[in-house]
N, C-alpha and C. Protein backbone atom coordinates (compact mmCIF):
# COMPACT_ATOMS: atom_id res chain seq x y z
N PHE A 1 141.57 24.15 31.77
CA PHE A 1 141.02 25.22 31.37
C PHE A 1 141.51 25.05 29.53
N ILE A 2 141.12 25.47 28.64
CA ILE A 2 141.57 25.54 27.21
C ILE A 2 141.50 27.06 27.05
N PHE A 3 142.55 27.47 26.35
CA PHE A 3 142.75 29.33 25.85
C PHE A 3 143.08 29.45 24.31
N GLU A 4 142.38 29.74 24.00
CA GLU A 4 142.38 30.59 22.36
C GLU A 4 143.05 31.97 22.30
N VAL A 5 144.28 32.09 22.27
CA VAL A 5 145.37 33.31 22.52
C VAL A 5 145.57 33.96 20.88
N THR A 6 145.26 34.74 20.42
CA THR A 6 145.63 35.81 19.25
C THR A 6 146.25 36.99 19.28
N GLY A 7 147.32 37.11 18.72
CA GLY A 7 147.87 38.32 18.68
C GLY A 7 149.53 38.37 18.13
N ALA A 8 150.46 39.08 18.42
CA ALA A 8 151.91 39.23 18.04
C ALA A 8 152.29 38.12 18.57
N PRO A 9 153.50 37.70 18.02
CA PRO A 9 154.34 36.64 18.69
C PRO A 9 155.15 36.83 20.17
N ASP A 10 155.16 37.81 20.23
CA ASP A 10 155.71 38.56 21.36
C ASP A 10 154.65 38.50 22.67
N LYS A 11 153.52 38.80 22.10
CA LYS A 11 152.50 38.94 22.96
C LYS A 11 152.03 37.65 23.69
N ILE A 12 151.85 36.60 22.70
CA ILE A 12 151.56 35.16 22.54
C ILE A 12 152.69 34.54 23.97
N ASP A 13 154.10 34.92 23.21
CA ASP A 13 155.16 34.19 24.12
C ASP A 13 155.06 34.55 25.71
N ALA A 14 154.76 35.87 25.86
CA ALA A 14 154.43 36.41 27.24
C ALA A 14 153.45 35.79 28.09
N PHE A 15 152.28 35.46 27.15
CA PHE A 15 151.21 34.68 27.93
C PHE A 15 151.80 33.69 28.53
N ILE A 16 152.27 32.66 27.54
CA ILE A 16 153.10 31.45 27.94
C ILE A 16 153.90 31.31 29.35
N GLY A 17 154.27 32.78 28.96
CA GLY A 17 155.49 32.73 30.19
C GLY A 17 154.47 33.03 31.48
N LEU A 18 153.79 33.66 31.24
CA LEU A 18 152.41 33.86 32.73
C LEU A 18 151.99 32.25 33.10
N MET A 19 151.72 31.75 32.21
CA MET A 19 150.93 30.03 32.62
C MET A 19 151.70 29.38 32.75
N ARG A 20 153.03 29.36 32.47
CA ARG A 20 153.74 28.39 33.14
C ARG A 20 153.78 27.71 34.54
N PRO A 21 154.12 29.04 35.31
CA PRO A 21 153.92 29.17 36.81
C PRO A 21 152.84 28.35 37.30
N LEU A 22 151.61 28.48 36.63
CA LEU A 22 150.47 27.85 37.11
C LEU A 22 149.91 26.89 36.45
N GLY A 23 150.84 25.73 36.09
CA GLY A 23 150.95 24.55 35.53
C GLY A 23 150.20 24.10 34.16
N LEU A 24 150.90 25.20 33.09
CA LEU A 24 150.66 24.83 31.94
C LEU A 24 151.31 23.65 31.60
N VAL A 25 150.32 22.56 30.83
CA VAL A 25 150.39 21.70 30.44
C VAL A 25 151.14 21.58 28.93
N ASP A 26 150.42 21.81 27.84
CA ASP A 26 150.74 21.59 26.72
C ASP A 26 150.36 22.96 25.82
N VAL A 27 151.07 23.12 25.03
CA VAL A 27 150.89 24.51 23.78
C VAL A 27 150.62 23.87 22.23
N SER A 28 150.13 24.58 21.38
CA SER A 28 149.78 24.16 20.48
C SER A 28 149.57 25.32 19.33
N ARG A 29 150.72 25.67 18.70
CA ARG A 29 150.86 27.22 17.87
C ARG A 29 150.61 26.66 16.26
N THR A 30 150.05 27.30 15.62
CA THR A 30 149.54 27.33 13.99
C THR A 30 150.36 28.26 13.72
N GLY A 31 150.71 29.32 14.02
CA GLY A 31 151.90 30.17 13.19
C GLY A 31 150.62 31.07 12.60
N VAL A 32 151.23 31.80 11.43
CA VAL A 32 150.31 32.84 10.49
C VAL A 32 149.18 32.24 10.05
N VAL A 33 147.92 32.88 10.08
CA VAL A 33 146.80 31.98 9.98
C VAL A 33 146.19 33.58 8.86
N ALA A 34 145.50 33.21 7.76
CA ALA A 34 144.77 34.38 7.12
C ALA A 34 143.75 34.03 6.53
N ILE A 35 142.84 34.89 6.41
CA ILE A 35 141.54 35.18 5.83
C ILE A 35 141.21 35.93 4.59
N ALA A 36 140.89 35.58 3.50
CA ALA A 36 140.69 36.15 2.81
C ALA A 36 139.65 37.13 2.62
N ARG A 37 139.73 38.46 2.34
CA ARG A 37 138.32 39.29 2.44
C ARG A 37 138.25 40.05 1.33
N GLY A 38 137.22 40.05 0.79
CA GLY A 38 136.84 40.54 -0.44
C GLY A 38 135.60 41.06 -0.81
N PRO A 39 135.03 41.96 -1.59
CA PRO A 39 133.45 42.28 -1.75
C PRO A 39 132.51 41.12 -2.06
N GLU A 40 133.02 39.68 -2.50
CA GLU A 40 132.41 38.44 -2.62
C GLU A 40 132.18 37.65 -1.44
N ALA A 41 130.93 36.81 -1.03
CA ALA A 41 130.94 36.42 0.06
C ALA A 41 131.69 34.68 -0.46
N MET A 42 132.23 34.34 0.52
CA MET A 42 132.90 33.15 0.51
C MET A 42 131.82 31.76 0.69
């Protein structure tokens, strides 16, 4: 399975903690990601 998780770092850490006993193999974290918002389309 592949999961994409977004949220506060402590919530993501909790999710990872829950998945480890189930055989979590690998984790890739991007850190903070931002998307610009405004009146003009990108």
